[in-house]
C-alpha atoms as a PDB file:
ATOM      1  CA  UNK A   1      17.702  14.322   2.673  1.00  0.00           C
ATOM      2  CA  UNK A   2      17.959  10.794   1.237  1.00  0.00           C
ATOM      3  CA  UNK A   3      15.527   9.548   3.907  1.00  0.00           C
ATOM      4  CA  UNK A   4      13.100  12.373   3.088  1.00  0.00           C
ATOM      5  CA  UNK A   5      13.222  11.541  -0.626  1.00  0.00           C
ATOM      6  CA  UNK A   6      12.646   7.882   0.222  1.00  0.00           C
ATOM      7  CA  UNK A   7       9.565   8.677   2.328  1.00  0.00           C
ATOM      8  CA  UNK A   8       8.078  10.922  -0.341  1.00  0.00           C
ATOM      9  CA  UNK A   9       8.719   8.334  -3.032  1.00  0.00           C
ATOM     10  CA  UNK A  10       7.239   5.610  -0.853  1.00  0.00           C
ATOM     11  CA  UNK A  11       4.071   7.673  -0.507  1.00  0.00           C
ATOM     12  CA  UNK A  12       3.771   8.462  -4.213  1.00  0.00           C
ATOM     13  CA  UNK A  13       4.846   5.109  -5.564  1.00  0.00           C
ATOM     14  CA  UNK A  14       3.727   2.891  -2.678  1.00  0.00           C
ATOM     15  CA  UNK A  15       1.364   0.892  -4.830  1.00  0.00           C
ATOM     16  CA  UNK A  16       4.145   0.178  -7.310  1.00  0.00           C
ATOM     17  CA  UNK A  17       6.431  -1.001  -4.510  1.00  0.00           C
ATOM     18  CA  UNK A  18       3.812  -3.282  -3.019  1.00  0.00           C
ATOM     19  CA  UNK A  19       3.141  -4.791  -6.444  1.00  0.00           C
ATOM     20  CA  UNK A  20       6.757  -4.857  -7.564  1.00  0.00           C
ATOM     21  CA  UNK A  21       6.585  -8.612  -8.092  1.00  0.00           C
ATOM     22  CA  UNK A  22       3.843  -8.095 -10.673  1.00  0.00           C
ATOM     23  CA  UNK A  23       4.221  -6.708 -14.164  1.00  0.00           C
ATOM     24  CA  UNK A  24       3.188  -3.061 -14.210  1.00  0.00           C
ATOM     25  CA  UNK A  25       3.386   0.324 -15.919  1.00  0.00           C
ATOM     26  CA  UNK A  26       4.004   3.326 -13.665  1.00  0.00           C
ATOM     27  CA  UNK A  27       3.586   6.885 -14.904  1.00  0.00           C
ATOM     28  CA  UNK A  28       6.424   9.322 -14.182  1.00  0.00           C
ATOM     29  CA  UNK A  29       5.545  12.414 -16.292  1.00  0.00           C
ATOM     30  CA  UNK A  30       4.788  13.316 -19.906  1.00  0.00           C
ATOM     31  CA  UNK A  31       5.998  10.214 -21.821  1.00  0.00           C
ATOM     32  CA  UNK A  32       8.201   8.941 -18.993  1.00  0.00           C
ATOM     33  CA  UNK A  33       6.986   5.554 -17.778  1.00  0.00           C
ATOM     34  CA  UNK A  34       8.534   2.720 -15.797  1.00  0.00           C
ATOM     35  CA  UNK A  35       7.874  -0.839 -16.964  1.00  0.00           C
ATOM     36  CA  UNK A  36       8.490  -3.582 -14.416  1.00  0.00           C
ATOM     37  CA  UNK A  37       8.377  -7.351 -14.694  1.00  0.00           C
ATOM     38  CA  UNK A  38      10.145  -9.119 -11.849  1.00  0.00           C
ATOM     39  CA  UNK A  39      13.785  -8.078 -11.815  1.00  0.00           C
ATOM     40  CA  UNK A  40      13.545  -6.426 -15.254  1.00  0.00           C
ATOM     41  CA  UNK A  41      12.888  -2.677 -15.258  1.00  0.00           C
ATOM     42  CA  UNK A  42      12.793  -0.337 -18.245  1.00  0.00           C
ATOM     43  CA  UNK A  43      12.411   3.430 -17.922  1.00  0.00           C
ATOM     44  CA  UNK A  44      11.285   5.322 -21.032  1.00  0.00           C
ATOM     45  CA  UNK A  45      12.040   9.024 -21.680  1.00  0.00           C
ATOM     46  CA  UNK A  46      12.762   9.870 -18.015  1.00  0.00           C
ATOM     47  CA  UNK A  47      15.070  12.885 -18.264  1.00  0.00           C
ATOM     48  CA  UNK A  48      14.059  16.138 -19.939  1.00  0.00           C
ATOM     49  CA  UNK A  49      14.091  19.871 -19.234  1.00  0.00           C
ATOM     50  CA  UNK A  50      11.311  21.226 -21.450  1.00  0.00           C
ATOM     51  CA  UNK A  51       7.566  21.232 -20.867  1.00  0.00           C
ATOM     52  CA  UNK A  52       6.633  24.075 -23.266  1.00  0.00           C
ATOM     53  CA  UNK A  53       4.097  25.372 -20.760  1.00  0.00           C
ATOM     54  CA  UNK A  54       1.861  22.435 -21.611  1.00  0.00           C
ATOM     55  CA  UNK A  55       3.210  19.132 -20.335  1.00  0.00           C
ATOM     56  CA  UNK A  56       4.364  17.781 -16.996  1.00  0.00           C
ATOM     57  CA  UNK A  57       7.955  17.826 -15.896  1.00  0.00           C
ATOM     58  CA  UNK A  58       9.185  14.962 -13.740  1.00  0.00           C
ATOM     59  CA  UNK A  59       8.506  16.029 -10.113  1.00  0.00           C
ATOM     60  CA  UNK A  60      11.751  16.938  -8.378  1.00  0.00           C
ATOM     61  CA  UNK A  61      11.324  14.327  -5.633  1.00  0.00           C
ATOM     62  CA  UNK A  62      10.745  11.653  -8.266  1.00  0.00           C
ATOM     63  CA  UNK A  63      13.837  12.737 -10.191  1.00  0.00           C
ATOM     64  CA  UNK A  64      15.876  12.496  -6.993  1.00  0.00           C
ATOM     65  CA  UNK A  65      14.430   9.044  -6.324  1.00  0.00           C
ATOM     66  CA  UNK A  66      15.529   7.929  -9.795  1.00  0.00           C
ATOM     67  CA  UNK A  67      19.060   9.258  -9.324  1.00  0.00           C
ATOM     68  CA  UNK A  68      19.288   7.766  -5.812  1.00  0.00           C
ATOM     69  CA  UNK A  69      18.012   4.359  -6.941  1.00  0.00           C
ATOM     70  CA  UNK A  70      15.086   4.359  -4.545  1.00  0.00           C
ATOM     71  CA  UNK A  71      12.363   1.755  -5.237  1.00  0.00           C
ATOM     72  CA  UNK A  72      10.716   1.348  -7.628  1.00  0.00           C
ATOM     73  CA  UNK A  73      13.599   2.995  -9.523  1.00  0.00           C
ATOM     74  CA  UNK A  74      16.327   0.719  -8.202  1.00  0.00           C
ATOM     75  CA  UNK A  75      18.336  -1.636 -10.407  1.00  0.00           C
ATOM     76  CA  UNK A  76      17.104  -0.319 -13.755  1.00  0.00           C
ATOM     77  CA  UNK A  77      17.843  -2.714 -16.579  1.00  0.00           C
ATOM     78  CA  UNK A  78      17.660  -0.055 -19.270  1.00  0.00           C
ATOM     79  CA  UNK A  79      16.678   3.464 -20.183  1.00  0.00           C
ATOM     80  CA  UNK A  80      15.018   3.808 -23.591  1.00  0.00           C
ATOM     81  CA  UNK A  81      14.650   7.126 -25.440  1.00  0.00           C
ATOM     82  CA  UNK A  82      12.014   7.584 -28.140  1.00  0.00           C
ATOM     83  CA  UNK A  83      13.512  10.703 -29.769  1.00  0.00           C
ATOM     84  CA  UNK A  84      15.804  13.622 -29.045  1.00  0.00           C
ATOM     85  CA  UNK A  85      13.307  16.387 -28.285  1.00  0.00           C
ATOM     86  CA  UNK A  86      13.565  18.596 -25.208  1.00  0.00           C
ATOM     87  CA  UNK A  87      10.413  17.207 -23.610  1.00  0.00           C
ATOM     88  CA  UNK A  88      11.755  13.645 -23.907  1.00  0.00           C
ATOM     89  CA  UNK A  89      15.522  13.770 -23.695  1.00  0.00           C
ATOM     90  CA  UNK A  90      18.181  15.700 -21.770  1.00  0.00           C
ATOM     91  CA  UNK A  91      21.646  14.439 -22.653  1.00  0.00           C
ATOM     92  CA  UNK A  92      23.290  15.907 -19.558  1.00  0.00           C
ATOM     93  CA  UNK A  93      21.027  14.054 -17.141  1.00  0.00           C
ATOM     94  CA  UNK A  94      21.222  10.803 -19.087  1.00  0.00           C
ATOM     95  CA  UNK A  95      25.023  11.039 -18.903  1.00  0.00           C
ATOM     96  CA  UNK A  96      24.911  11.771 -15.170  1.00  0.00           C
ATOM     97  CA  UNK A  97      22.694   8.761 -14.541  1.00  0.00           C
ATOM     98  CA  UNK A  98      24.730   6.322 -16.618  1.00  0.00           C
ATOM     99  CA  UNK A  99      27.956   7.443 -14.936  1.00  0.00           C
ATOM    100  CA  UNK A 100      26.385   6.633 -11.577  1.00  0.00           C
ATOM    101  CA  UNK A 101      24.894   3.300 -12.661  1.00  0.00           C
ATOM    102  CA  UNK A 102      27.276   1.400 -14.969  1.00  0.00           C
ATOM    103  CA  UNK A 103      25.028  -1.668 -15.131  1.00  0.00           C
ATOM    104  CA  UNK A 104      22.113   0.225 -16.704  1.00  0.00           C
ATOM    105  CA  UNK A 105      21.951   0.175 -20.491  1.00  0.00           C
ATOM    106  CA  UNK A 106      20.798   2.975 -22.791  1.00  0.00           C
ATOM    107  CA  UNK A 107      18.910   2.317 -26.024  1.00  0.00           C
ATOM    108  CA  UNK A 108      18.220   5.421 -28.093  1.00  0.00           C
ATOM    109  CA  UNK A 109      17.998   6.743 -31.662  1.00  0.00           C
ATOM    110  CA  UNK A 110      21.216   7.802 -33.298  1.00  0.00           C
ATOM    111  CA  UNK A 111      20.329  11.509 -33.048  1.00  0.00           C
ATOM    112  CA  UNK A 112      20.171  11.256 -29.245  1.00  0.00           C
ATOM    113  CA  UNK A 113      23.438   9.316 -29.047  1.00  0.00           C
ATOM    114  CA  UNK A 114      25.242  11.912 -31.176  1.00  0.00           C
ATOM    115  CA  UNK A 115      24.071  14.619 -28.776  1.00  0.00           C
ATOM    116  CA  UNK A 116      25.106  12.539 -25.764  1.00  0.00           C
ATOM    117  CA  UNK A 117      28.513  11.655 -27.214  1.00  0.00           C
ATOM    118  CA  UNK A 118      29.399  15.339 -27.619  1.00  0.00           C
ATOM    119  CA  UNK A 119      29.393  15.862 -23.840  1.00  0.00           C
ATOM    120  CA  UNK A 120      32.544  15.816 -21.742  1.00  0.00           C
ATOM    121  CA  UNK A 121      32.865  12.465 -19.997  1.00  0.00           C
ATOM    122  CA  UNK A 122      30.640  10.566 -22.412  1.00  0.00           C
ATOM    123  CA  UNK A 123      33.423   8.222 -23.507  1.00  0.00           C
ATOM    124  CA  UNK A 124      33.269   6.249 -20.271  1.00  0.00           C
ATOM    125  CA  UNK A 125      29.576   5.334 -20.696  1.00  0.00           C
ATOM    126  CA  UNK A 126      29.725   4.295 -24.356  1.00  0.00           C
ATOM    127  CA  UNK A 127      29.925   0.560 -23.454  1.00  0.00           C
ATOM    128  CA  UNK A 128      26.454   0.992 -21.916  1.00  0.00           C
ATOM    129  CA  UNK A 129      25.011   2.570 -25.056  1.00  0.00           C
ATOM    130  CA  UNK A 130      23.139   1.007 -27.963  1.00  0.00           C
ATOM    131  CA  UNK A 131      22.456   3.394 -30.825  1.00  0.00           C
ATOM    132  CA  UNK A 132      19.544   2.598 -33.141  1.00  0.00           C
ATOM    133  CA  UNK A 133      19.838   4.221 -36.543  1.00  0.00           C
ATOM    134  CA  UNK A 134      16.800   3.798 -38.758  1.00  0.00           C
ATOM    135  CA  UNK A 135      15.873   5.701 -41.891  1.00  0.00           C
ATOM    136  CA  UNK A 136      12.295   6.405 -42.903  1.00  0.00           C
ATOM    137  CA  UNK A 137      10.759   3.243 -44.443  1.00  0.00           C
ATOM    138  CA  UNK A 138      13.742   1.139 -43.406  1.00  0.00           C
ATOM    139  CA  UNK A 139      13.096  -2.420 -42.217  1.00  0.00           C
ATOM    140  CA  UNK A 140      12.532  -2.541 -38.432  1.00  0.00           C
ATOM    141  CA  UNK A 141      15.388  -3.740 -36.248  1.00  0.00           C
ATOM    142  CA  UNK A 142      15.391  -6.315 -33.462  1.00  0.00           C
ATOM    143  CA  UNK A 143      18.012  -6.160 -30.712  1.00  0.00           C
ATOM    144  CA  UNK A 144      18.763  -8.132 -27.580  1.00  0.00           C
ATOM    145  CA  UNK A 145      20.182  -6.010 -24.784  1.00  0.00           C
ATOM    146  CA  UNK A 146      20.560  -7.053 -21.138  1.00  0.00           C
ATOM    147  CA  UNK A 147      18.033  -9.834 -21.520  1.00  0.00           C
ATOM    148  CA  UNK A 148      15.489  -7.576 -23.225  1.00  0.00           C
ATOM    149  CA  UNK A 149      14.113  -8.191 -26.711  1.00  0.00           C
ATOM    150  CA  UNK A 150      13.760  -4.789 -28.353  1.00  0.00           C
ATOM    151  CA  UNK A 151      12.044  -4.138 -31.676  1.00  0.00           C
ATOM    152  CA  UNK A 152      12.374  -0.676 -33.183  1.00  0.00           C
ATOM    153  CA  UNK A 153      10.637   0.911 -36.138  1.00  0.00           C
ATOM    154  CA  UNK A 154      10.908   4.500 -37.317  1.00  0.00           C
ATOM    155  CA  UNK A 155       7.472   6.101 -37.436  1.00  0.00           C
ATOM    156  CA  UNK A 156       7.264   9.794 -38.363  1.00  0.00           C
ATOM    157  CA  UNK A 157       6.884  12.363 -35.628  1.00  0.00           C
ATOM    158  CA  UNK A 158       3.420  13.924 -35.341  1.00  0.00           C
ATOM    159  CA  UNK A 159       2.998  16.744 -37.813  1.00  0.00           C
ATOM    160  CA  UNK A 160       4.321  14.749 -40.754  1.00  0.00           C
ATOM    161  CA  UNK A 161       5.864  15.693 -43.090  1.00  0.00           C
ATOM    162  CA  UNK A 162       6.968  18.839 -41.278  1.00  0.00           C
ATOM    163  CA  UNK A 163       9.254  16.945 -38.890  1.00  0.00           C
ATOM    164  CA  UNK A 164      10.485  14.266 -41.243  1.00  0.00           C
ATOM    165  CA  UNK A 165      14.051  14.672 -39.999  1.00  0.00           C
ATOM    166  CA  UNK A 166      13.208  13.587 -36.444  1.00  0.00           C
ATOM    167  CA  UNK A 167      14.176  10.002 -35.626  1.00  0.00           C
ATOM    168  CA  UNK A 168      11.038   9.073 -33.716  1.00  0.00           C
ATOM    169  CA  UNK A 169      11.206   5.388 -32.846  1.00  0.00           C
ATOM    170  CA  UNK A 170       8.383   3.128 -31.778  1.00  0.00           C
ATOM    171  CA  UNK A 171       9.932   0.602 -29.404  1.00  0.00           C
ATOM    172  CA  UNK A 172       8.362  -2.756 -28.583  1.00  0.00           C
ATOM    173  CA  UNK A 173      10.189  -4.157 -25.583  1.00  0.00           C
ATOM    174  CA  UNK A 174       9.787  -7.643 -24.130  1.00  0.00           C
ATOM    175  CA  UNK A 175      10.835  -8.079 -20.498  1.00  0.00           C
ATOM    176  CA  UNK A 176      11.509 -11.735 -19.698  1.00  0.00           C
ATOM    177  CA  UNK A 177      11.938 -13.289 -16.286  1.00  0.00           C
ATOM    178  CA  UNK A 178      12.596 -16.929 -15.517  1.00  0.00           C
ATOM    179  CA  UNK A 179       8.894 -17.720 -15.700  1.00  0.00           C
ATOM    180  CA  UNK A 180       7.081 -14.910 -17.506  1.00  0.00           C
ATOM    181  CA  UNK A 181       7.402 -12.286 -20.199  1.00  0.00           C
ATOM    182  CA  UNK A 182       5.509  -9.091 -20.963  1.00  0.00           C
ATOM    183  CA  UNK A 183       5.698  -6.841 -24.005  1.00  0.00           C
ATOM    184  CA  UNK A 184       5.080  -3.103 -24.007  1.00  0.00           C
ATOM    185  CA  UNK A 185       5.036  -0.718 -26.969  1.00  0.00           C
ATOM    186  CA  UNK A 186       6.138   2.896 -26.414  1.00  0.00           C
ATOM    187  CA  UNK A 187       5.258   5.077 -29.394  1.00  0.00           C
ATOM    188  CA  UNK A 188       7.037   8.347 -28.686  1.00  0.00           C
ATOM    189  CA  UNK A 189       5.401  11.189 -30.628  1.00  0.00           C
ATOM    190  CA  UNK A 190       4.199   9.003 -33.480  1.00  0.00           C
ATOM    191  CA  UNK A 191       1.989  10.456 -36.206  1.00  0.00           C
ATOM    192  CA  UNK A 192      -1.528   8.932 -36.372  1.00  0.00           C
ATOM    193  CA  UNK A 193      -1.696   8.263 -40.111  1.00  0.00           C
ATOM    194  CA  UNK A 194      -2.320   4.599 -40.913  1.00  0.00           C
ATOM    195  CA  UNK A 195      -0.130   4.829 -44.032  1.00  0.00           C
ATOM    196  CA  UNK A 196       2.875   4.858 -41.673  1.00  0.00           C
ATOM    197  CA  UNK A 197       1.879   1.511 -40.148  1.00  0.00           C
ATOM    198  CA  UNK A 198       0.224  -0.610 -42.815  1.00  0.00           C
ATOM    199  CA  UNK A 199       3.502  -1.423 -44.549  1.00  0.00           C
ATOM    200  CA  UNK A 200       4.855  -3.023 -41.370  1.00  0.00           C
ATOM    201  CA  UNK A 201       2.102  -5.596 -40.894  1.00  0.00           C
ATOM    202  CA  UNK A 202       4.520  -8.503 -40.511  1.00  0.00           C
ATOM    203  CA  UNK A 203       6.397  -6.508 -37.863  1.00  0.00           C
ATOM    204  CA  UNK A 204       3.305  -5.843 -35.764  1.00  0.00           C
ATOM    205  CA  UNK A 205       2.064  -9.417 -36.198  1.00  0.00           C
ATOM    206  CA  UNK A 206       5.381 -10.857 -35.054  1.00  0.00           C
ATOM    207  CA  UNK A 207       4.758 -10.119 -31.383  1.00  0.00           C
ATOM    208  CA  UNK A 208       1.626  -9.289 -29.384  1.00  0.00           C
ATOM    209  CA  UNK A 209       2.016  -6.234 -27.154  1.00  0.00           C
ATOM    210  CA  UNK A 210       0.306  -6.519 -23.798  1.00  0.00           C
ATOM    211  CA  UNK A 211       0.130  -2.719 -23.477  1.00  0.00           C
ATOM    212  CA  UNK A 212       0.669   0.110 -25.963  1.00  0.00           C
ATOM    213  CA  UNK A 213       1.551   3.619 -24.820  1.00  0.00           C
ATOM    214  CA  UNK A 214       0.518   6.025 -27.590  1.00  0.00           C
ATOM    215  CA  UNK A 215       0.482   9.825 -27.347  1.00  0.00           C
ATOM    216  CA  UNK A 216      -2.995  10.977 -26.396  1.00  0.00           C
ATOM    217  CA  UNK A 217      -3.793  12.376 -29.836  1.00  0.00           C
ATOM    218  CA  UNK A 218      -4.300   8.833 -31.143  1.00  0.00           C
ATOM    219  CA  UNK A 219      -7.606   8.851 -29.275  1.00  0.00           C
ATOM    220  CA  UNK A 220      -8.724  12.057 -31.014  1.00  0.00           C
ATOM    221  CA  UNK A 221      -9.319  10.586 -34.466  1.00  0.00           C
ATOM    222  CA  UNK A 222     -10.951   7.475 -35.856  1.00  0.00           C
ATOM    223  CA  UNK A 223      -7.786   6.764 -37.838  1.00  0.00           C
ATOM    224  CA  UNK A 224      -5.625   6.894 -34.708  1.00  0.00           C
ATOM    225  CA  UNK A 225      -7.984   4.612 -32.803  1.00  0.00           C
ATOM    226  CA  UNK A 226      -8.075   2.164 -35.700  1.00  0.00           C
ATOM    227  CA  UNK A 227      -4.275   2.001 -35.718  1.00  0.00           C
ATOM    228  CA  UNK A 228      -4.372   0.918 -32.072  1.00  0.00           C
ATOM    229  CA  UNK A 229      -7.191  -1.605 -32.416  1.00  0.00           C
ATOM    230  CA  UNK A 230      -6.731  -3.010 -35.921  1.00  0.00           C
ATOM    231  CA  UNK A 231      -3.077  -2.693 -36.935  1.00  0.00           C
ATOM    232  CA  UNK A 232      -0.592  -2.735 -34.048  1.00  0.00           C
ATOM    233  CA  UNK A 233      -1.523  -6.107 -32.488  1.00  0.00           C
ATOM    234  CA  UNK A 234      -1.969  -4.819 -28.933  1.00  0.00           C
ATOM    235  CA  UNK A 235      -4.223  -6.011 -26.119  1.00  0.00           C
ATOM    236  CA  UNK A 236      -4.866  -2.578 -24.610  1.00  0.00           C
ATOM    237  CA  UNK A 237      -3.576   0.986 -24.726  1.00  0.00           C
ATOM    238  CA  UNK A 238      -2.950   3.758 -22.208  1.00  0.00           C
ATOM    239  CA  UNK A 239      -2.399   7.272 -23.541  1.00  0.00           C
ATOM    240  CA  UNK A 240       0.603   9.345 -22.446  1.00  0.00           C
ATOM    241  CA  UNK A 241       1.921  12.839 -23.340  1.00  0.00           C
ATOM    242  CA  UNK A 242      -1.307  14.188 -21.847  1.00  0.00           C
ATOM    243  CA  UNK A 243      -1.264  17.980 -21.210  1.00  0.00           C
ATOM    244  CA  UNK A 244      -1.536  19.285 -17.657  1.00  0.00           C
ATOM    245  CA  UNK A 245      -4.886  20.743 -18.658  1.00  0.00           C
ATOM    246  CA  UNK A 246      -6.487  17.514 -19.791  1.00  0.00           C
ATOM    247  CA  UNK A 247      -8.548  18.014 -22.964  1.00  0.00           C
ATOM    248  CA  UNK A 248     -12.254  17.671 -22.211  1.00  0.00           C
ATOM    249  CA  UNK A 249     -12.635  15.335 -25.183  1.00  0.00           C
ATOM    250  CA  UNK A 250     -10.120  12.967 -23.593  1.00  0.00           C
ATOM    251  CA  UNK A 251     -11.813  13.144 -20.194  1.00  0.00           C
ATOM    252  CA  UNK A 252     -15.148  12.195 -21.731  1.00  0.00           C
ATOM    253  CA  UNK A 253     -13.800   9.579 -24.133  1.00  0.00           C
ATOM    254  CA  UNK A 254     -13.804   6.607 -21.790  1.00  0.00           C
ATOM    255  CA  UNK A 255     -10.300   5.676 -22.924  1.00  0.00           C
ATOM    256  CA  UNK A 256      -7.519   5.015 -20.455  1.00  0.00           C
ATOM    257  CA  UNK A 257      -4.724   7.551 -20.003  1.00  0.00           C
ATOM    258  CA  UNK A 258      -2.061   8.645 -17.527  1.00  0.00           C
ATOM    259  CA  UNK A 259      -2.176  12.149 -16.076  1.00  0.00           C
ATOM    260  CA  UNK A 260      -0.902  11.952 -12.480  1.00  0.00           C
ATOM    261  CA  UNK A 261       2.698  11.009 -11.628  1.00  0.00           C
ATOM    262  CA  UNK A 262       2.723   7.805  -9.638  1.00  0.00           C
ATOM    263  CA  UNK A 263      -0.331   6.294 -11.334  1.00  0.00           C
ATOM    264  CA  UNK A 264       0.130   2.605 -12.000  1.00  0.00           C
ATOM    265  CA  UNK A 265      -1.574  -0.023 -14.132  1.00  0.00           C
ATOM    266  CA  UNK A 266      -1.014  -3.731 -13.779  1.00  0.00           C
ATOM    267  CA  UNK A 267      -0.066  -5.579 -16.948  1.00  0.00           C
ATOM    268  CA  UNK A 268      -2.550  -8.416 -16.913  1.00  0.00           C
ATOM    269  CA  UNK A 269      -1.631 -12.044 -17.251  1.00  0.00           C
ATOM    270  CA  UNK A 270       2.086 -12.085 -18.091  1.00  0.00           C
ATOM    271  CA  UNK A 271       2.869 -14.869 -20.561  1.00  0.00           C
ATOM    272  CA  UNK A 272       4.278 -17.985 -18.902  1.00  0.00           C
ATOM    273  CA  UNK A 273       7.094 -19.890 -20.518  1.00  0.00           C
END
């Protein structure tokens, strides 16, 4: 069975394996993406049970490849969770993974960590866990975990103010190797209202993001597009959280997005240092 999973994963993610030495973003499902730069690997929002009849679940063979540490999912530096919703986070599977891989770190909002900590057996993985607690309008936080530089800011969940209690975090993660670094911004289910972003200008200006990963609805309004191009200090963006039935407006927009598990984009020109 392990060999079968390996062969399937090799077929689906072959391009990622061949280009493993290059910085890249590989789509897993929904908002789950793998960021790779050399020996640094960060997996966002990989474990979840809900799709609400709209979004993609992680394919079973891909999930098995993650749990079995099959390339490109071997030697993960960290798992990062944007928020504790059922289409982004499953505490039981996160616990199972961390128990199997004690060198992988978890960075997640406090709400997710509280849910995880309530499970039997969670005590043993707490040394691997970094909880990020941020209130609305609180100053962003910067952390260094396992050689990663991680900036976090709480941006309201889409549908504001109806989901004001949800700790949706926009993470900007810099993956450094001996010679290069790349920075990727994962936005979770952020709300596309520029009022949420304008007050953090110094935060966005502090570090250029090579690639931003916004939910697809940012492309659906001029305000959302302006946030990506004029406020966040990013070189390019690739939409995620795209429904299985891709909206025709998105198809015709000309903007880049992920919709098929295994799709990969190279992160151009990693910064040398």
